[in-house]
Amino acid sequence: MRQATNCVFLCLFLSGFFSVACQSMPSPFYRELSVTDPLLTGNDVIIAQTLLKRDPHVAENLNVDGIFNKETEAATQAFQAANGLKSSGVIDSESAGKLINLYEADGYKDSGFSAGSMGYLYKVNIPVHTNRSIETYATLYDKDNNILLKFKVRTHGKRGDNSDQEWPDFGNGDVGLNQFSSSGNTVTGLVEMDLNTPEPTPAVYGPWPVNRVVRGLDGNAFTCMLTLRWWDKCSLS
């Protein structure tokens, strides 16, 4: 199975929107998106615009502002025409599914930068596979990019065989559980973490402080954290 992309975590020591998707729309979408009066706004529009911008037939200057306006309608039509869909300008179930299938992956790769170059204390790089049941090795770097530790990890998400297995498999065919869905695949990209919060149930997770994501900087992580409450929309487990 190919290695798809990376999750990179930057750490600095410091001192939801989500609606249940209608069956007709793939998660995280819960309604059709089109030009209306008043114009539709929301996090689902942000996700749609982000995915549209990844299509080579859509204008690169498409504004990701969470407003489904004429510009977004034109981008939708360009995407639909290039991918064998009816050029309606409406993101219906078929168009939404096509967008997710083609452009969910953000292609984010670690460039090899040091945490110190951005003012952070350390960095964790986690390779991510399309089949999330594959275990990989995360690397912990200090601020100067010296390797401190390598440890085995397995990110949250779908298996590749549609079988029901133990965590992190979702089972039931893994339908709709993409990076933009609540409790979906671990989001890829670049994020900032804060090591300052103990787990509420130390008997289960241990008594130590926990790295918690506080800000998305690049890739799908950035898109997810444009929302009011990132944990209700996208999974970063």
C-alpha atoms as a PDB file:
ATOM      1  CA  MET A   1       0.000   0.000   0.000  1.00  0.00           C
ATOM      2  CA  ARG A   2       1.396   3.359  -0.966  1.00  0.00           C
ATOM      3  CA  GLN A   3       2.324   5.964   1.609  1.00  0.00           C
ATOM      4  CA  ALA A   4      -0.125   8.769   0.985  1.00  0.00           C
ATOM      5  CA  THR A   5       0.998  11.783   2.943  1.00  0.00           C
ATOM      6  CA  ASN A   6       2.184  13.041   6.318  1.00  0.00           C
ATOM      7  CA  CYS A   7       0.934  14.419   9.588  1.00  0.00           C
ATOM      8  CA  VAL A   8       3.434  16.847  11.099  1.00  0.00           C
ATOM      9  CA  PHE A   9       2.985  18.189  14.613  1.00  0.00           C
ATOM     10  CA  LEU A  10       4.787  21.250  15.972  1.00  0.00           C
ATOM     11  CA  CYS A  11       4.920  21.621  19.714  1.00  0.00           C
ATOM     12  CA  LEU A  12       5.257  24.741  21.846  1.00  0.00           C
ATOM     13  CA  PHE A  13       5.056  24.620  25.635  1.00  0.00           C
ATOM     14  CA  LEU A  14       2.464  27.152  26.744  1.00  0.00           C
ATOM     15  CA  SER A  15       2.429  28.199  30.668  1.00  0.00           C
ATOM     16  CA  GLY A  16     -18.649  22.216  16.149  1.00  0.00           C
ATOM     17  CA  PHE A  17     -19.909  22.636  13.889  1.00  0.00           C
ATOM     18  CA  PHE A  18     -21.159  19.275  12.590  1.00  0.00           C
ATOM     19  CA  SER A  19     -24.576  18.149  11.511  1.00  0.00           C
ATOM     20  CA  VAL A  20     -25.559  14.552  10.865  1.00  0.00           C
ATOM     21  CA  ALA A  21     -25.379  14.031   7.133  1.00  0.00           C
ATOM     22  CA  CYS A  22     -28.537  13.281   5.209  1.00  0.00           C
ATOM     23  CA  GLN A  23     -28.393   9.839   3.662  1.00  0.00           C
ATOM     24  CA  SER A  24     -28.438  11.365   0.195  1.00  0.00           C
ATOM     25  CA  MET A  25     -25.236  13.361   0.785  1.00  0.00           C
ATOM     26  CA  PRO A  26     -21.823  11.922   1.658  1.00  0.00           C
ATOM     27  CA  SER A  27     -20.373  13.061   4.966  1.00  0.00           C
ATOM     28  CA  PRO A  28     -19.486  15.786   5.874  1.00  0.00           C
ATOM     29  CA  PHE A  29     -22.034  17.319   3.474  1.00  0.00           C
ATOM     30  CA  TYR A  30     -25.611  17.391   4.753  1.00  0.00           C
ATOM     31  CA  ARG A  31     -27.313  19.501   2.072  1.00  0.00           C
ATOM     32  CA  GLU A  32     -26.976  20.330  -1.597  1.00  0.00           C
ATOM     33  CA  LEU A  33     -24.954  23.480  -2.259  1.00  0.00           C
ATOM     34  CA  SER A  34     -26.071  26.002  -4.862  1.00  0.00           C
ATOM     35  CA  VAL A  35     -26.558  29.714  -5.412  1.00  0.00           C
ATOM     36  CA  THR A  36     -29.585  30.796  -3.397  1.00  0.00           C
ATOM     37  CA  ASP A  37     -31.056  33.989  -1.983  1.00  0.00           C
ATOM     38  CA  PRO A  38     -29.705  34.574   0.596  1.00  0.00           C
ATOM     39  CA  LEU A  39     -26.402  32.883  -0.307  1.00  0.00           C
ATOM     40  CA  LEU A  40     -25.559  29.647   1.481  1.00  0.00           C
ATOM     41  CA  THR A  41     -22.726  29.918   3.994  1.00  0.00           C
ATOM     42  CA  GLY A  42     -21.035  27.475   6.312  1.00  0.00           C
ATOM     43  CA  ASN A  43     -18.239  25.021   6.936  1.00  0.00           C
ATOM     44  CA  ASP A  44     -19.548  22.628   4.290  1.00  0.00           C
ATOM     45  CA  VAL A  45     -19.059  25.418   1.748  1.00  0.00           C
ATOM     46  CA  ILE A  46     -15.479  25.930   2.983  1.00  0.00           C
ATOM     47  CA  ILE A  47     -14.766  22.230   2.460  1.00  0.00           C
ATOM     48  CA  ALA A  48     -16.371  22.258  -0.985  1.00  0.00           C
ATOM     49  CA  GLN A  49     -14.345  25.307  -2.065  1.00  0.00           C
ATOM     50  CA  THR A  50     -11.136  23.748  -0.727  1.00  0.00           C
ATOM     51  CA  LEU A  51     -11.713  20.555  -2.699  1.00  0.00           C
ATOM     52  CA  LEU A  52     -12.745  22.446  -5.838  1.00  0.00           C
ATOM     53  CA  LYS A  53      -9.477  24.402  -5.771  1.00  0.00           C
ATOM     54  CA  ARG A  54      -7.561  21.131  -6.030  1.00  0.00           C
ATOM     55  CA  ASP A  55      -9.100  20.402  -9.436  1.00  0.00           C
ATOM     56  CA  PRO A  56      -6.785  21.589 -12.244  1.00  0.00           C
ATOM     57  CA  HIS A  57      -9.779  22.824 -14.264  1.00  0.00           C
ATOM     58  CA  VAL A  58     -10.901  25.246 -11.545  1.00  0.00           C
ATOM     59  CA  ALA A  59      -9.474  28.757 -11.351  1.00  0.00           C
ATOM     60  CA  GLU A  60      -6.633  28.933  -8.835  1.00  0.00           C
ATOM     61  CA  ASN A  61      -7.934  32.229  -7.456  1.00  0.00           C
ATOM     62  CA  LEU A  62     -11.210  30.717  -6.217  1.00  0.00           C
ATOM     63  CA  ASN A  63     -11.863  32.381  -2.879  1.00  0.00           C
ATOM     64  CA  VAL A  64     -12.320  30.006   0.061  1.00  0.00           C
ATOM     65  CA  ASP A  65     -14.640  32.169   2.131  1.00  0.00           C
ATOM     66  CA  GLY A  66     -17.504  29.840   3.046  1.00  0.00           C
ATOM     67  CA  ILE A  67     -19.979  31.654   0.760  1.00  0.00           C
ATOM     68  CA  PHE A  68     -21.534  29.732  -2.140  1.00  0.00           C
ATOM     69  CA  ASN A  69     -21.709  32.565  -4.666  1.00  0.00           C
ATOM     70  CA  LYS A  70     -21.528  32.840  -8.464  1.00  0.00           C
ATOM     71  CA  GLU A  71     -17.760  32.338  -8.373  1.00  0.00           C
ATOM     72  CA  THR A  72     -18.183  29.037  -6.531  1.00  0.00           C
ATOM     73  CA  GLU A  73     -20.997  28.050  -8.883  1.00  0.00           C
ATOM     74  CA  ALA A  74     -18.705  28.618 -11.886  1.00  0.00           C
ATOM     75  CA  ALA A  75     -15.956  26.588 -10.209  1.00  0.00           C
ATOM     76  CA  THR A  76     -18.449  23.787  -9.601  1.00  0.00           C
ATOM     77  CA  GLN A  77     -19.506  23.821 -13.246  1.00  0.00           C
ATOM     78  CA  ALA A  78     -15.864  23.654 -14.381  1.00  0.00           C
ATOM     79  CA  PHE A  79     -15.245  20.702 -12.073  1.00  0.00           C
ATOM     80  CA  GLN A  80     -18.398  18.924 -13.223  1.00  0.00           C
ATOM     81  CA  ALA A  81     -17.672  19.428 -16.923  1.00  0.00           C
ATOM     82  CA  ALA A  82     -14.130  18.093 -16.527  1.00  0.00           C
ATOM     83  CA  ASN A  83     -15.249  15.006 -14.637  1.00  0.00           C
ATOM     84  CA  GLY A  84     -18.183  13.769 -16.677  1.00  0.00           C
ATOM     85  CA  LEU A  85     -20.925  15.235 -14.503  1.00  0.00           C
ATOM     86  CA  LYS A  86     -23.899  17.399 -15.413  1.00  0.00           C
ATOM     87  CA  SER A  87     -22.705  21.024 -15.342  1.00  0.00           C
ATOM     88  CA  SER A  88     -25.465  22.255 -13.091  1.00  0.00           C
ATOM     89  CA  GLY A  89     -23.350  24.312 -10.719  1.00  0.00           C
ATOM     90  CA  VAL A  90     -25.054  22.472  -7.872  1.00  0.00           C
ATOM     91  CA  ILE A  91     -23.017  20.284  -5.530  1.00  0.00           C
ATOM     92  CA  ASP A  92     -25.397  17.371  -5.199  1.00  0.00           C
ATOM     93  CA  SER A  93     -24.661  13.897  -3.834  1.00  0.00           C
ATOM     94  CA  GLU A  94     -22.870  12.744  -6.974  1.00  0.00           C
ATOM     95  CA  SER A  95     -20.682  15.833  -7.253  1.00  0.00           C
ATOM     96  CA  ALA A  96     -19.891  15.852  -3.524  1.00  0.00           C
ATOM     97  CA  GLY A  97     -18.868  12.195  -3.639  1.00  0.00           C
ATOM     98  CA  LYS A  98     -16.669  12.826  -6.664  1.00  0.00           C
ATOM     99  CA  LEU A  99     -14.979  15.780  -4.979  1.00  0.00           C
ATOM    100  CA  ILE A 100     -14.147  13.721  -1.898  1.00  0.00           C
ATOM    101  CA  ASN A 101     -12.957  10.680  -3.842  1.00  0.00           C
ATOM    102  CA  LEU A 102     -10.687  12.733  -6.103  1.00  0.00           C
ATOM    103  CA  TYR A 103      -9.373  15.449  -3.812  1.00  0.00           C
ATOM    104  CA  GLU A 104      -9.628  14.415  -0.163  1.00  0.00           C
ATOM    105  CA  ALA A 105      -5.853  13.842  -0.078  1.00  0.00           C
ATOM    106  CA  ASP A 106      -4.035  17.135   0.402  1.00  0.00           C
ATOM    107  CA  GLY A 107      -0.665  15.772  -0.696  1.00  0.00           C
ATOM    108  CA  TYR A 108       1.074  17.384   2.267  1.00  0.00           C
ATOM    109  CA  LYS A 109       4.713  16.310   2.707  1.00  0.00           C
ATOM    110  CA  ASP A 110       7.229  17.237   5.368  1.00  0.00           C
ATOM    111  CA  SER A 111       9.794  19.515   3.728  1.00  0.00           C
ATOM    112  CA  GLY A 112      12.410  18.724   6.365  1.00  0.00           C
ATOM    113  CA  PHE A 113      12.189  22.097   8.123  1.00  0.00           C
ATOM    114  CA  SER A 114      13.259  22.325  11.739  1.00  0.00           C
ATOM    115  CA  ALA A 115      10.861  23.140  14.564  1.00  0.00           C
ATOM    116  CA  GLY A 116      13.260  25.828  15.760  1.00  0.00           C
ATOM    117  CA  SER A 117      13.037  27.664  12.435  1.00  0.00           C
ATOM    118  CA  MET A 118       9.394  28.363  13.241  1.00  0.00           C
ATOM    119  CA  GLY A 119       9.889  29.087  16.942  1.00  0.00           C
ATOM    120  CA  TYR A 120       8.833  25.673  18.272  1.00  0.00           C
ATOM    121  CA  LEU A 121      10.551  23.263  20.644  1.00  0.00           C
ATOM    122  CA  TYR A 122      10.085  19.989  18.789  1.00  0.00           C
ATOM    123  CA  LYS A 123       8.405  18.294  15.847  1.00  0.00           C
ATOM    124  CA  VAL A 124       6.717  14.932  15.293  1.00  0.00           C
ATOM    125  CA  ASN A 125       6.451  13.482  11.793  1.00  0.00           C
ATOM    126  CA  ILE A 126       3.919  10.668  11.237  1.00  0.00           C
ATOM    127  CA  PRO A 127       3.791   8.931   7.830  1.00  0.00           C
ATOM    128  CA  VAL A 128       0.205   8.093   6.839  1.00  0.00           C
ATOM    129  CA  HIS A 129      -0.984   5.247   4.614  1.00  0.00           C
ATOM    130  CA  THR A 130      -4.229   5.106   2.673  1.00  0.00           C
ATOM    131  CA  ASN A 131      -5.005   1.884   4.535  1.00  0.00           C
ATOM    132  CA  ARG A 132      -4.944   3.228   8.069  1.00  0.00           C
ATOM    133  CA  SER A 133      -4.572  -0.196   9.689  1.00  0.00           C
ATOM    134  CA  ILE A 134      -0.921  -0.206   8.549  1.00  0.00           C
ATOM    135  CA  GLU A 135       1.397   0.668  11.408  1.00  0.00           C
ATOM    136  CA  THR A 136       4.212   3.125  10.710  1.00  0.00           C
ATOM    137  CA  TYR A 137       6.960   4.778  12.750  1.00  0.00           C
ATOM    138  CA  ALA A 138       6.670   8.344  13.942  1.00  0.00           C
ATOM    139  CA  THR A 139       9.824  10.401  14.449  1.00  0.00           C
ATOM    140  CA  LEU A 140      10.306  12.923  17.243  1.00  0.00           C
ATOM    141  CA  TYR A 141      12.807  15.702  16.450  1.00  0.00           C
ATOM    142  CA  ASP A 142      14.217  18.406  18.685  1.00  0.00           C
ATOM    143  CA  LYS A 143      14.187  22.045  17.602  1.00  0.00           C
ATOM    144  CA  ASP A 144      17.358  21.534  15.535  1.00  0.00           C
ATOM    145  CA  ASN A 145      16.004  18.463  13.703  1.00  0.00           C
ATOM    146  CA  ASN A 146      18.022  15.942  15.710  1.00  0.00           C
ATOM    147  CA  ILE A 147      16.153  12.650  16.108  1.00  0.00           C
ATOM    148  CA  LEU A 148      15.155  12.023  19.717  1.00  0.00           C
ATOM    149  CA  LEU A 149      12.879   9.006  19.341  1.00  0.00           C
ATOM    150  CA  LYS A 150      11.130   6.735  16.848  1.00  0.00           C
ATOM    151  CA  PHE A 151       7.976   4.930  17.914  1.00  0.00           C
ATOM    152  CA  LYS A 152       5.289   2.768  16.306  1.00  0.00           C
ATOM    153  CA  VAL A 153       1.964   4.413  15.489  1.00  0.00           C
ATOM    154  CA  ARG A 154      -1.268   3.597  13.715  1.00  0.00           C
ATOM    155  CA  THR A 155      -3.483   6.470  12.653  1.00  0.00           C
ATOM    156  CA  HIS A 156      -7.255   6.547  12.876  1.00  0.00           C
ATOM    157  CA  GLY A 157      -9.172   5.630   9.737  1.00  0.00           C
ATOM    158  CA  LYS A 158     -10.290   3.132   7.149  1.00  0.00           C
ATOM    159  CA  ARG A 159      -8.948  -0.291   6.336  1.00  0.00           C
ATOM    160  CA  GLY A 160      -8.578  -1.339   2.731  1.00  0.00           C
ATOM    161  CA  ASP A 161     -10.506  -4.627   2.849  1.00  0.00           C
ATOM    162  CA  ASN A 162     -13.986  -3.571   4.091  1.00  0.00           C
ATOM    163  CA  SER A 163     -13.753  -6.022   6.992  1.00  0.00           C
ATOM    164  CA  ASP A 164     -14.631  -5.367  10.614  1.00  0.00           C
ATOM    165  CA  GLN A 165     -11.482  -5.201  12.714  1.00  0.00           C
ATOM    166  CA  GLU A 166     -10.365  -3.673  15.977  1.00  0.00           C
ATOM    167  CA  TRP A 167      -9.589   0.052  16.316  1.00  0.00           C
ATOM    168  CA  PRO A 168      -8.906   2.079  14.230  1.00  0.00           C
ATOM    169  CA  ASP A 169     -11.255   0.298  11.820  1.00  0.00           C
ATOM    170  CA  PHE A 170     -14.773   1.725  11.550  1.00  0.00           C
ATOM    171  CA  GLY A 171     -16.366  -1.368   9.982  1.00  0.00           C
ATOM    172  CA  ASN A 172     -19.595  -1.461   7.974  1.00  0.00           C
ATOM    173  CA  GLY A 173     -17.734  -0.800   4.744  1.00  0.00           C
ATOM    174  CA  ASP A 174     -16.184   2.397   6.123  1.00  0.00           C
ATOM    175  CA  VAL A 175     -18.659   4.504   4.167  1.00  0.00           C
ATOM    176  CA  GLY A 176     -18.228   8.262   4.306  1.00  0.00           C
ATOM    177  CA  LEU A 177     -15.587   8.386   7.006  1.00  0.00           C
ATOM    178  CA  ASN A 178     -13.157  10.733   5.317  1.00  0.00           C
ATOM    179  CA  GLN A 179     -10.819  13.346   6.782  1.00  0.00           C
ATOM    180  CA  PHE A 180     -13.540  15.993   6.807  1.00  0.00           C
ATOM    181  CA  SER A 181     -16.075  13.862   8.710  1.00  0.00           C
ATOM    182  CA  SER A 182     -16.606  13.911  12.440  1.00  0.00           C
ATOM    183  CA  SER A 183     -14.621  11.003  13.956  1.00  0.00           C
ATOM    184  CA  GLY A 184     -13.269  10.245  10.502  1.00  0.00           C
ATOM    185  CA  ASN A 185      -9.730   9.586   9.306  1.00  0.00           C
ATOM    186  CA  THR A 186      -6.863  11.306  11.076  1.00  0.00           C
ATOM    187  CA  VAL A 187      -6.394  14.617   9.309  1.00  0.00           C
ATOM    188  CA  THR A 188      -3.167  15.179   7.385  1.00  0.00           C
ATOM    189  CA  GLY A 189      -1.186  18.395   7.191  1.00  0.00           C
ATOM    190  CA  LEU A 190       0.718  20.593   9.614  1.00  0.00           C
ATOM    191  CA  VAL A 191      -0.640  21.336  13.080  1.00  0.00           C
ATOM    192  CA  GLU A 192       0.445  23.060  16.255  1.00  0.00           C
ATOM    193  CA  MET A 193       0.208  21.186  19.548  1.00  0.00           C
ATOM    194  CA  ASP A 194       0.240  22.319  23.155  1.00  0.00           C
ATOM    195  CA  LEU A 195       1.597  20.041  25.881  1.00  0.00           C
ATOM    196  CA  ASN A 196      -0.320  21.294  28.887  1.00  0.00           C
ATOM    197  CA  THR A 197      -3.424  19.213  29.534  1.00  0.00           C
ATOM    198  CA  PRO A 198      -3.701  15.913  31.452  1.00  0.00           C
ATOM    199  CA  GLU A 199      -6.239  13.350  30.354  1.00  0.00           C
ATOM    200  CA  PRO A 200      -9.510  13.459  32.342  1.00  0.00           C
ATOM    201  CA  THR A 201      -9.377   9.677  32.903  1.00  0.00           C
ATOM    202  CA  PRO A 202      -5.800   8.856  33.959  1.00  0.00           C
ATOM    203  CA  ALA A 203      -6.739   5.263  34.766  1.00  0.00           C
ATOM    204  CA  VAL A 204      -7.276   4.728  31.034  1.00  0.00           C
ATOM    205  CA  TYR A 205      -4.793   7.094  29.420  1.00  0.00           C
ATOM    206  CA  GLY A 206      -2.192   7.653  32.130  1.00  0.00           C
ATOM    207  CA  PRO A 207      -1.469  10.642  34.407  1.00  0.00           C
ATOM    208  CA  TRP A 208       0.862  12.526  32.064  1.00  0.00           C
ATOM    209  CA  PRO A 209       0.276  15.772  30.167  1.00  0.00           C
ATOM    210  CA  VAL A 210      -1.067  15.247  26.666  1.00  0.00           C
ATOM    211  CA  ASN A 211      -0.198  16.917  23.368  1.00  0.00           C
ATOM    212  CA  ARG A 212      -3.409  18.499  22.121  1.00  0.00           C
ATOM    213  CA  VAL A 213      -3.922  20.076  18.728  1.00  0.00           C
ATOM    214  CA  VAL A 214      -4.628  23.790  18.987  1.00  0.00           C
ATOM    215  CA  ARG A 215      -4.148  25.146  15.452  1.00  0.00           C
ATOM    216  CA  GLY A 216      -4.014  23.913  11.866  1.00  0.00           C
ATOM    217  CA  LEU A 217      -1.244  25.471   9.766  1.00  0.00           C
ATOM    218  CA  ASP A 218      -1.354  23.679   6.405  1.00  0.00           C
ATOM    219  CA  GLY A 219      -3.108  20.941   4.446  1.00  0.00           C
ATOM    220  CA  ASN A 220      -6.441  19.475   5.502  1.00  0.00           C
ATOM    221  CA  ALA A 221      -5.658  20.367   9.117  1.00  0.00           C
ATOM    222  CA  PHE A 222      -5.794  24.048   8.198  1.00  0.00           C
ATOM    223  CA  THR A 223      -9.162  23.605   6.460  1.00  0.00           C
ATOM    224  CA  CYS A 224     -10.653  21.732   9.399  1.00  0.00           C
ATOM    225  CA  MET A 225      -9.522  24.320  11.906  1.00  0.00           C
ATOM    226  CA  LEU A 226     -11.081  27.212  10.011  1.00  0.00           C
ATOM    227  CA  THR A 227     -14.268  26.058  11.711  1.00  0.00           C
ATOM    228  CA  LEU A 228     -15.498  27.072  15.131  1.00  0.00           C
ATOM    229  CA  ARG A 229     -14.753  23.744  16.782  1.00  0.00           C
ATOM    230  CA  TRP A 230     -12.398  21.553  14.784  1.00  0.00           C
ATOM    231  CA  TRP A 231     -13.087  18.376  16.778  1.00  0.00           C
ATOM    232  CA  ASP A 232     -16.753  18.352  15.720  1.00  0.00           C
ATOM    233  CA  LYS A 233     -15.873  18.419  12.037  1.00  0.00           C
ATOM    234  CA  CYS A 234     -12.589  16.672  11.450  1.00  0.00           C
ATOM    235  CA  SER A 235     -10.785  13.953  13.352  1.00  0.00           C
ATOM    236  CA  LEU A 236      -7.271  14.410  14.676  1.00  0.00           C
ATOM    237  CA  SER A 237      -6.910  11.398  16.933  1.00  0.00           C
END
